[in-house]
C-alpha atoms as a PDB file:
ATOM      1  CA  MET A   1     -23.607 -26.389  -3.049  1.00  0.00           C
ATOM      2  CA  PRO A   2     -21.596 -23.168  -2.750  1.00  0.00           C
ATOM      3  CA  ALA A   3     -21.243 -20.474  -5.330  1.00  0.00           C
ATOM      4  CA  THR A   4     -17.660 -20.612  -7.448  1.00  0.00           C
ATOM      5  CA  SER A   5     -16.073 -18.008  -8.801  1.00  0.00           C
ATOM      6  CA  GLY A   6     -16.833 -18.015 -12.809  1.00  0.00           C
ATOM      7  CA  GLU A   7     -18.866 -20.570 -12.164  1.00  0.00           C
ATOM      8  CA  CYS A   8     -22.687 -19.103 -11.355  1.00  0.00           C
ATOM      9  CA  GLU A   9     -22.071 -16.251  -8.605  1.00  0.00           C
ATOM     10  CA  SER A  10     -24.546 -13.289  -9.063  1.00  0.00           C
ATOM     11  CA  MET A  11     -23.507 -10.335  -9.662  1.00  0.00           C
ATOM     12  CA  SER A  12     -26.002  -9.290  -6.907  1.00  0.00           C
ATOM     13  CA  GLU A  13     -24.285 -11.995  -4.372  1.00  0.00           C
ATOM     14  CA  MET A  14     -23.699 -10.563  -1.280  1.00  0.00           C
ATOM     15  CA  LEU A  15     -19.982 -11.489  -0.412  1.00  0.00           C
ATOM     16  CA  SER A  16     -17.394 -11.438   2.273  1.00  0.00           C
ATOM     17  CA  GLY A  17     -14.047  -9.060   1.502  1.00  0.00           C
ATOM     18  CA  ALA A  18     -12.700 -12.822   1.320  1.00  0.00           C
ATOM     19  CA  ALA A  19     -14.298 -13.602  -1.528  1.00  0.00           C
ATOM     20  CA  ILE A  20     -14.194 -10.952  -3.113  1.00  0.00           C
ATOM     21  CA  LEU A  21     -10.187 -11.105  -2.791  1.00  0.00           C
ATOM     22  CA  CYS A  22     -10.484 -14.944  -4.128  1.00  0.00           C
ATOM     23  CA  ARG A  23     -12.835 -13.567  -7.099  1.00  0.00           C
ATOM     24  CA  ALA A  24     -10.603 -10.335  -8.547  1.00  0.00           C
ATOM     25  CA  LEU A  25      -7.846 -12.736  -8.581  1.00  0.00           C
ATOM     26  CA  VAL A  26      -9.679 -14.957 -10.735  1.00  0.00           C
ATOM     27  CA  ASP A  27     -11.059 -12.145 -12.971  1.00  0.00           C
ATOM     28  CA  ALA A  28      -7.549 -10.791 -13.605  1.00  0.00           C
ATOM     29  CA  GLY A  29      -7.115 -13.985 -14.555  1.00  0.00           C
ATOM     30  CA  VAL A  30      -4.860 -15.854 -11.706  1.00  0.00           C
ATOM     31  CA  GLU A  31      -4.730 -19.462 -11.515  1.00  0.00           C
ATOM     32  CA  VAL A  32      -1.605 -20.301  -9.178  1.00  0.00           C
ATOM     33  CA  ILE A  33      -1.111 -18.812  -5.662  1.00  0.00           C
ATOM     34  CA  PHE A  34       1.775 -20.007  -3.326  1.00  0.00           C
ATOM     35  CA  GLY A  35       0.944 -19.061   0.026  1.00  0.00           C
ATOM     36  CA  TYR A  36       0.923 -20.340   3.969  1.00  0.00           C
ATOM     37  CA  PRO A  37      -1.806 -19.208   6.286  1.00  0.00           C
ATOM     38  CA  GLY A  38      -2.003 -18.242   9.653  1.00  0.00           C
ATOM     39  CA  GLY A  39      -4.383 -16.222  12.031  1.00  0.00           C
ATOM     40  CA  ALA A  40      -5.014 -12.997  10.549  1.00  0.00           C
ATOM     41  CA  ILE A  41      -5.447 -13.894   6.218  1.00  0.00           C
ATOM     42  CA  MET A  42      -7.614 -17.260   7.168  1.00  0.00           C
ATOM     43  CA  PRO A  43     -10.771 -15.417   6.138  1.00  0.00           C
ATOM     44  CA  PHE A  44      -9.202 -15.193   2.539  1.00  0.00           C
ATOM     45  CA  TYR A  45      -8.175 -19.295   2.929  1.00  0.00           C
ATOM     46  CA  HIS A  46     -11.958 -20.164   4.109  1.00  0.00           C
ATOM     47  CA  ALA A  47     -13.113 -18.597   0.905  1.00  0.00           C
ATOM     48  CA  LEU A  48     -10.328 -19.957  -1.169  1.00  0.00           C
ATOM     49  CA  PRO A  49     -12.471 -23.692  -2.044  1.00  0.00           C
ATOM     50  CA  ASP A  50     -15.135 -21.773  -2.810  1.00  0.00           C
ATOM     51  CA  HIS A  51     -13.061 -21.078  -5.920  1.00  0.00           C
ATOM     52  CA  PRO A  52     -11.859 -23.630  -7.286  1.00  0.00           C
ATOM     53  CA  ARG A  53     -10.073 -21.275 -10.491  1.00  0.00           C
ATOM     54  CA  LEU A  54      -7.172 -20.731  -7.546  1.00  0.00           C
ATOM     55  CA  ARG A  55      -4.277 -22.722  -7.211  1.00  0.00           C
ATOM     56  CA  HIS A  56      -3.362 -22.725  -4.334  1.00  0.00           C
ATOM     57  CA  ILE A  57       0.391 -24.223  -3.484  1.00  0.00           C
ATOM     58  CA  LEU A  58       1.267 -24.897   0.709  1.00  0.00           C
ATOM     59  CA  VAL A  59       4.882 -23.826   1.347  1.00  0.00           C
ATOM     60  CA  ARG A  60       6.627 -24.360   4.754  1.00  0.00           C
ATOM     61  CA  HIS A  61       8.082 -20.719   5.214  1.00  0.00           C
ATOM     62  CA  GLU A  62       6.404 -17.306   3.834  1.00  0.00           C
ATOM     63  CA  GLN A  63       9.671 -16.799   1.822  1.00  0.00           C
ATOM     64  CA  ALA A  64       9.509 -20.020   0.043  1.00  0.00           C
ATOM     65  CA  ALA A  65       6.240 -18.347  -1.167  1.00  0.00           C
ATOM     66  CA  ALA A  66       7.112 -14.898  -2.348  1.00  0.00           C
ATOM     67  CA  HIS A  67      10.610 -16.545  -4.212  1.00  0.00           C
ATOM     68  CA  ALA A  68       8.310 -19.024  -5.666  1.00  0.00           C
ATOM     69  CA  ALA A  69       6.145 -16.288  -6.771  1.00  0.00           C
ATOM     70  CA  ASP A  70       8.687 -14.142  -8.135  1.00  0.00           C
ATOM     71  CA  GLY A  71      10.036 -17.942 -10.460  1.00  0.00           C
ATOM     72  CA  TYR A  72       6.919 -18.666 -11.692  1.00  0.00           C
ATOM     73  CA  ALA A  73       6.750 -14.539 -12.979  1.00  0.00           C
ATOM     74  CA  ARG A  74       9.774 -15.253 -14.608  1.00  0.00           C
ATOM     75  CA  ALA A  75       9.428 -18.697 -15.841  1.00  0.00           C
ATOM     76  CA  SER A  76       5.332 -17.871 -17.289  1.00  0.00           C
ATOM     77  CA  GLY A  77       5.776 -14.568 -18.329  1.00  0.00           C
ATOM     78  CA  ARG A  78       2.908 -13.955 -15.890  1.00  0.00           C
ATOM     79  CA  VAL A  79       1.914 -12.128 -12.509  1.00  0.00           C
ATOM     80  CA  GLY A  80       3.418 -14.089  -9.781  1.00  0.00           C
ATOM     81  CA  VAL A  81       0.762 -13.925  -6.302  1.00  0.00           C
ATOM     82  CA  CYS A  82       1.963 -15.376  -2.714  1.00  0.00           C
ATOM     83  CA  VAL A  83      -0.428 -14.621   0.795  1.00  0.00           C
ATOM     84  CA  ALA A  84       0.949 -14.664   4.042  1.00  0.00           C
ATOM     85  CA  THR A  85      -0.233 -13.786   7.215  1.00  0.00           C
ATOM     86  CA  SER A  86       0.036 -10.475   9.285  1.00  0.00           C
ATOM     87  CA  GLY A  87       3.417  -9.904  11.419  1.00  0.00           C
ATOM     88  CA  PRO A  88       6.302 -11.922  10.980  1.00  0.00           C
ATOM     89  CA  GLY A  89       4.577 -13.875   8.134  1.00  0.00           C
ATOM     90  CA  ALA A  90       4.584 -10.832   6.431  1.00  0.00           C
ATOM     91  CA  THR A  91       7.475  -9.626   7.148  1.00  0.00           C
ATOM     92  CA  ASN A  92       9.346 -13.026   6.256  1.00  0.00           C
ATOM     93  CA  LEU A  93       8.209 -12.044   2.239  1.00  0.00           C
ATOM     94  CA  VAL A  94      10.587  -9.431   2.125  1.00  0.00           C
ATOM     95  CA  THR A  95      13.194 -10.938   0.842  1.00  0.00           C
ATOM     96  CA  GLY A  96      11.968 -12.359  -1.944  1.00  0.00           C
ATOM     97  CA  LEU A  97      10.505  -9.134  -2.484  1.00  0.00           C
ATOM     98  CA  ALA A  98      13.011  -7.594  -2.513  1.00  0.00           C
ATOM     99  CA  ALA A  99      14.952  -9.933  -5.038  1.00  0.00           C
ATOM    100  CA  ALA A 100      11.718  -9.673  -7.383  1.00  0.00           C
ATOM    101  CA  TYR A 101      12.192  -5.323  -6.673  1.00  0.00           C
ATOM    102  CA  MET A 102      15.987  -5.805  -7.711  1.00  0.00           C
ATOM    103  CA  ASP A 103      15.824  -8.546 -10.793  1.00  0.00           C
ATOM    104  CA  SER A 104      12.247  -6.491 -12.245  1.00  0.00           C
ATOM    105  CA  SER A 105       9.874  -9.576 -11.808  1.00  0.00           C
ATOM    106  CA  PRO A 106       6.307  -9.094 -11.541  1.00  0.00           C
ATOM    107  CA  VAL A 107       4.420 -10.419  -8.454  1.00  0.00           C
ATOM    108  CA  VAL A 108       1.381  -9.243  -5.705  1.00  0.00           C
ATOM    109  CA  ALA A 109       2.341  -9.950  -2.388  1.00  0.00           C
ATOM    110  CA  ILE A 110      -1.475  -9.962  -0.443  1.00  0.00           C
ATOM    111  CA  THR A 111      -0.609  -9.965   3.475  1.00  0.00           C
ATOM    112  CA  GLY A 112      -3.390 -10.258   6.411  1.00  0.00           C
ATOM    113  CA  GLN A 113      -3.283  -7.437   8.430  1.00  0.00           C
ATOM    114  CA  VAL A 114      -5.104  -7.027  12.148  1.00  0.00           C
ATOM    115  CA  SER A 115      -8.123  -6.061  12.202  1.00  0.00           C
ATOM    116  CA  ARG A 116      -8.318  -1.932  12.000  1.00  0.00           C
ATOM    117  CA  PRO A 117      -9.325  -0.826  15.290  1.00  0.00           C
ATOM    118  CA  MET A 118      -5.783  -2.324  16.503  1.00  0.00           C
ATOM    119  CA  ILE A 119      -3.817  -0.875  13.842  1.00  0.00           C
ATOM    120  CA  GLY A 120      -1.133   0.990  15.338  1.00  0.00           C
ATOM    121  CA  ARG A 121      -1.631  -0.365  18.939  1.00  0.00           C
ATOM    122  CA  ASP A 122       0.783  -2.945  19.042  1.00  0.00           C
ATOM    123  CA  ALA A 123      -1.763  -5.882  18.478  1.00  0.00           C
ATOM    124  CA  PHE A 124      -0.754  -9.247  18.731  1.00  0.00           C
ATOM    125  CA  GLN A 125       1.489  -9.706  15.513  1.00  0.00           C
ATOM    126  CA  GLU A 126       0.797  -6.369  14.202  1.00  0.00           C
ATOM    127  CA  THR A 127       3.568  -5.366  11.637  1.00  0.00           C
ATOM    128  CA  ASP A 128       3.299  -1.857   9.500  1.00  0.00           C
ATOM    129  CA  ILE A 129       3.951  -4.333   6.432  1.00  0.00           C
ATOM    130  CA  VAL A 130       3.826  -1.289   3.764  1.00  0.00           C
ATOM    131  CA  GLY A 131       6.073   1.119   5.464  1.00  0.00           C
ATOM    132  CA  ILE A 132       8.292  -1.953   5.860  1.00  0.00           C
ATOM    133  CA  THR A 133       8.331  -2.705   2.329  1.00  0.00           C
ATOM    134  CA  LEU A 134       8.426   0.840   0.306  1.00  0.00           C
ATOM    135  CA  PRO A 135      11.798   0.780  -0.667  1.00  0.00           C
ATOM    136  CA  ILE A 136      11.222  -2.919  -2.747  1.00  0.00           C
ATOM    137  CA  THR A 137       7.567  -2.527  -4.137  1.00  0.00           C
ATOM    138  CA  LYS A 138       6.422  -0.361  -7.119  1.00  0.00           C
ATOM    139  CA  GLN A 139       3.456   0.482  -5.140  1.00  0.00           C
ATOM    140  CA  ASN A 140       1.186  -1.266  -1.705  1.00  0.00           C
ATOM    141  CA  TYR A 141      -1.862  -0.524  -0.357  1.00  0.00           C
ATOM    142  CA  LEU A 142      -3.383  -0.778   3.051  1.00  0.00           C
ATOM    143  CA  VAL A 143      -6.883  -1.746   2.132  1.00  0.00           C
ATOM    144  CA  GLU A 144      -9.898   0.216   4.921  1.00  0.00           C
ATOM    145  CA  ASP A 145     -12.424  -0.355   3.078  1.00  0.00           C
ATOM    146  CA  VAL A 146     -14.093  -3.149   1.650  1.00  0.00           C
ATOM    147  CA  THR A 147     -15.435  -1.773  -1.735  1.00  0.00           C
ATOM    148  CA  ASP A 148     -12.303  -0.396  -3.531  1.00  0.00           C
ATOM    149  CA  LEU A 149     -10.789  -4.429  -2.541  1.00  0.00           C
ATOM    150  CA  ALA A 150     -11.839  -5.562  -5.891  1.00  0.00           C
ATOM    151  CA  ASP A 151     -10.502  -2.248  -7.661  1.00  0.00           C
ATOM    152  CA  ILE A 152      -7.130  -2.195  -5.587  1.00  0.00           C
ATOM    153  CA  VAL A 153      -6.318  -5.539  -7.005  1.00  0.00           C
ATOM    154  CA  ALA A 154      -6.658  -4.904 -10.732  1.00  0.00           C
ATOM    155  CA  GLU A 155      -4.575  -1.721 -10.423  1.00  0.00           C
ATOM    156  CA  ALA A 156      -2.312  -3.909  -8.289  1.00  0.00           C
ATOM    157  CA  MET A 157      -1.797  -6.090 -11.188  1.00  0.00           C
ATOM    158  CA  ALA A 158      -1.355  -3.614 -13.826  1.00  0.00           C
ATOM    159  CA  ILE A 159       1.007  -1.487 -11.883  1.00  0.00           C
ATOM    160  CA  ALA A 160       3.070  -5.065 -11.374  1.00  0.00           C
ATOM    161  CA  VAL A 161       2.877  -5.509 -15.371  1.00  0.00           C
ATOM    162  CA  ASP A 162       3.453  -1.983 -15.967  1.00  0.00           C
ATOM    163  CA  GLY A 163       6.651  -0.171 -17.446  1.00  0.00           C
ATOM    164  CA  ARG A 164       9.269  -1.962 -15.898  1.00  0.00           C
ATOM    165  CA  PRO A 165       7.923  -4.861 -14.142  1.00  0.00           C
ATOM    166  CA  GLY A 166       8.159  -5.360 -10.238  1.00  0.00           C
ATOM    167  CA  PRO A 167       6.377  -6.027  -6.985  1.00  0.00           C
ATOM    168  CA  VAL A 168       3.289  -4.750  -5.226  1.00  0.00           C
ATOM    169  CA  LEU A 169       1.535  -4.748  -2.161  1.00  0.00           C
ATOM    170  CA  ILE A 170      -1.673  -5.461  -0.617  1.00  0.00           C
ATOM    171  CA  ASP A 171      -2.897  -5.686   3.063  1.00  0.00           C
ATOM    172  CA  VAL A 172      -5.648  -6.014   4.032  1.00  0.00           C
ATOM    173  CA  PRO A 173      -6.941  -5.957   6.921  1.00  0.00           C
ATOM    174  CA  LYS A 174      -8.717  -9.280   9.107  1.00  0.00           C
ATOM    175  CA  ASP A 175     -12.275  -7.502   9.572  1.00  0.00           C
ATOM    176  CA  VAL A 176     -12.104  -6.348   5.952  1.00  0.00           C
ATOM    177  CA  GLN A 177     -11.463  -9.921   4.768  1.00  0.00           C
ATOM    178  CA  ASN A 178     -14.851 -10.980   6.882  1.00  0.00           C
ATOM    179  CA  GLN A 179     -16.887  -7.651   6.097  1.00  0.00           C
ATOM    180  CA  LYS A 180     -19.707  -8.480   3.636  1.00  0.00           C
ATOM    181  CA  ILE A 181     -21.224  -6.050   0.306  1.00  0.00           C
ATOM    182  CA  GLU A 182     -22.581  -6.823  -2.937  1.00  0.00           C
ATOM    183  CA  TRP A 183     -20.626  -7.503  -5.340  1.00  0.00           C
ATOM    184  CA  ARG A 184     -20.041  -5.624  -8.328  1.00  0.00           C
ATOM    185  CA  GLY A 185     -16.850  -6.644 -10.451  1.00  0.00           C
ATOM    186  CA  ALA A 186     -13.167  -4.178 -10.434  1.00  0.00           C
ATOM    187  CA  GLN A 187     -14.278  -0.883 -11.913  1.00  0.00           C
ATOM    188  CA  ALA A 188     -10.893  -0.392 -12.121  1.00  0.00           C
ATOM    189  CA  SER A 189      -9.055   0.674 -15.794  1.00  0.00           C
ATOM    190  CA  GLY A 190      -6.131  -0.846 -15.727  1.00  0.00           C
ATOM    191  CA  ALA A 191      -4.134   2.096 -15.072  1.00  0.00           C
ATOM    192  CA  ALA A 192      -1.919   3.464 -12.431  1.00  0.00           C
ATOM    193  CA  PRO A 193      -3.387   6.673 -11.237  1.00  0.00           C
ATOM    194  CA  HIS A 194      -1.769   6.660  -7.943  1.00  0.00           C
ATOM    195  CA  ARG A 195       1.716   6.644  -9.537  1.00  0.00           C
ATOM    196  CA  ASP A 196       3.157  10.458 -10.812  1.00  0.00           C
ATOM    197  CA  PRO A 197       3.376  10.769 -14.148  1.00  0.00           C
ATOM    198  CA  ARG A 198       6.829  10.910 -13.781  1.00  0.00           C
ATOM    199  CA  ALA A 199       7.782   8.462 -11.722  1.00  0.00           C
ATOM    200  CA  GLY A 200       9.401   5.223 -13.597  1.00  0.00           C
ATOM    201  CA  ALA A 201       8.127   1.651 -13.855  1.00  0.00           C
ATOM    202  CA  ARG A 202       9.636   1.693 -10.417  1.00  0.00           C
ATOM    203  CA  GLY A 203       6.983   4.078  -9.136  1.00  0.00           C
ATOM    204  CA  GLN A 204       9.972   6.716  -7.938  1.00  0.00           C
ATOM    205  CA  SER A 205      11.231   9.712  -9.178  1.00  0.00           C
ATOM    206  CA  LEU A 206      13.642   8.967 -12.050  1.00  0.00           C
ATOM    207  CA  THR A 207      14.963  12.157 -11.550  1.00  0.00           C
ATOM    208  CA  PRO A 208      14.333  15.407  -9.935  1.00  0.00           C
ATOM    209  CA  GLY A 209      12.498  17.003 -12.557  1.00  0.00           C
ATOM    210  CA  ALA A 210      12.632  14.209 -15.021  1.00  0.00           C
ATOM    211  CA  SER A 211      10.699  14.792 -18.351  1.00  0.00           C
ATOM    212  CA  PRO A 212      10.655  12.261 -21.345  1.00  0.00           C
ATOM    213  CA  GLY A 213      12.436  15.400 -23.528  1.00  0.00           C
ATOM    214  CA  SER A 214      14.958  14.862 -20.831  1.00  0.00           C
ATOM    215  CA  LEU A 215      15.268  11.174 -21.104  1.00  0.00           C
ATOM    216  CA  GLU A 216      15.368  11.339 -24.839  1.00  0.00           C
ATOM    217  CA  ASP A 217      18.393  13.701 -24.676  1.00  0.00           C
ATOM    218  CA  GLY A 218      20.217  11.956 -22.626  1.00  0.00           C
ATOM    219  CA  VAL A 219      19.776   8.777 -25.227  1.00  0.00           C
ATOM    220  CA  ARG A 220      20.925  11.864 -27.640  1.00  0.00           C
ATOM    221  CA  ALA A 221      24.152  11.564 -25.448  1.00  0.00           C
ATOM    222  CA  ALA A 222      24.741   8.209 -25.160  1.00  0.00           C
ATOM    223  CA  ALA A 223      24.696   7.810 -28.610  1.00  0.00           C
ATOM    224  CA  ARG A 224      27.431  10.617 -29.363  1.00  0.00           C
ATOM    225  CA  LEU A 225      29.193   9.049 -26.757  1.00  0.00           C
ATOM    226  CA  ILE A 226      28.811   5.669 -28.457  1.00  0.00           C
ATOM    227  CA  ALA A 227      29.732   6.659 -31.793  1.00  0.00           C
ATOM    228  CA  GLY A 228      32.931   8.349 -30.409  1.00  0.00           C
ATOM    229  CA  ALA A 229      34.123   5.148 -29.052  1.00  0.00           C
ATOM    230  CA  GLU A 230      36.965   3.488 -30.745  1.00  0.00           C
ATOM    231  CA  ARG A 231      36.099   0.039 -29.343  1.00  0.00           C
ATOM    232  CA  PRO A 232      32.396   0.132 -27.814  1.00  0.00           C
ATOM    233  CA  LEU A 233      31.461  -2.659 -25.101  1.00  0.00           C
ATOM    234  CA  LEU A 234      27.826  -2.659 -25.155  1.00  0.00           C
ATOM    235  CA  MET A 235      26.429  -4.654 -21.741  1.00  0.00           C
ATOM    236  CA  VAL A 236      22.742  -5.972 -22.164  1.00  0.00           C
ATOM    237  CA  GLY A 237      21.024  -6.578 -19.242  1.00  0.00           C
ATOM    238  CA  HIS A 238      17.430  -7.981 -17.889  1.00  0.00           C
ATOM    239  CA  GLY A 239      15.873  -5.523 -20.018  1.00  0.00           C
ATOM    240  CA  VAL A 240      16.399  -6.239 -23.020  1.00  0.00           C
ATOM    241  CA  ILE A 241      14.243  -9.697 -22.768  1.00  0.00           C
ATOM    242  CA  LEU A 242      11.557  -8.002 -20.727  1.00  0.00           C
ATOM    243  CA  SER A 243      10.956  -5.809 -23.338  1.00  0.00           C
ATOM    244  CA  GLU A 244      11.774  -7.909 -26.411  1.00  0.00           C
ATOM    245  CA  ALA A 245      14.237  -5.336 -28.019  1.00  0.00           C
ATOM    246  CA  TYR A 246      16.389  -8.166 -29.498  1.00  0.00           C
ATOM    247  CA  ALA A 247      16.316  -6.980 -32.753  1.00  0.00           C
ATOM    248  CA  GLU A 248      17.232  -3.458 -31.838  1.00  0.00           C
ATOM    249  CA  VAL A 249      19.984  -4.320 -29.502  1.00  0.00           C
ATOM    250  CA  ARG A 250      21.373  -6.968 -33.050  1.00  0.00           C
ATOM    251  CA  THR A 251      21.195  -3.578 -35.210  1.00  0.00           C
ATOM    252  CA  LEU A 252      23.082  -1.125 -32.526  1.00  0.00           C
ATOM    253  CA  ALA A 253      25.531  -4.235 -32.020  1.00  0.00           C
ATOM    254  CA  GLU A 254      26.340  -4.573 -35.611  1.00  0.00           C
ATOM    255  CA  LYS A 255      26.653  -0.633 -36.547  1.00  0.00           C
ATOM    256  CA  THR A 256      28.593   0.362 -33.611  1.00  0.00           C
END
């Protein structure tokens, strides 16, 4: 009987990248994934039955997978995960990822990619999904070494919920999924070391040279404007829900 994640796998067992990907998702607490199979992501799907803790929901189109992961994140408060193949499968996720980005929804998208030697050679169903999704993700990765895969999954899950939530994409070449190494688990600390310390939760600078001090100055300036207004109107957004700042907003409303 094949080993199943969290049941009888040895920490020193030789695992494929696809199995490591499944195991890393389980270790990150993922229970539900939404996806549609295709050529470049098939090693992951072949490994999936050996990891029964991952419930896979088959959609009829990759766009539905991204939207379902977004909806799952909003309804559950957990990171939503979607899976697609390379090329058109990956690009079909874009609308859902853009929606998650605009609405601050924590989603991790996993896409298959052509094998590493074929990247940049206009291979069948090769698309630079990392480049395409740069404007609509907090962070994205092209996994070039299977030894980094578990750490990348752990880091992606942390980044998706850190600060202002949003989507993260992990692009995994097919040969990386097939490569076997000794499984030792993720070593990531859960931090987001690849982000600039001045970056906002979306992974880009809030303003050129922005710093905590300048942000505090902006808050004080806004407070002075509110205090001097005759009839101040508070337009409260979704960020209050995400940060659970209900009491603070109520206090502000009562004081104005």
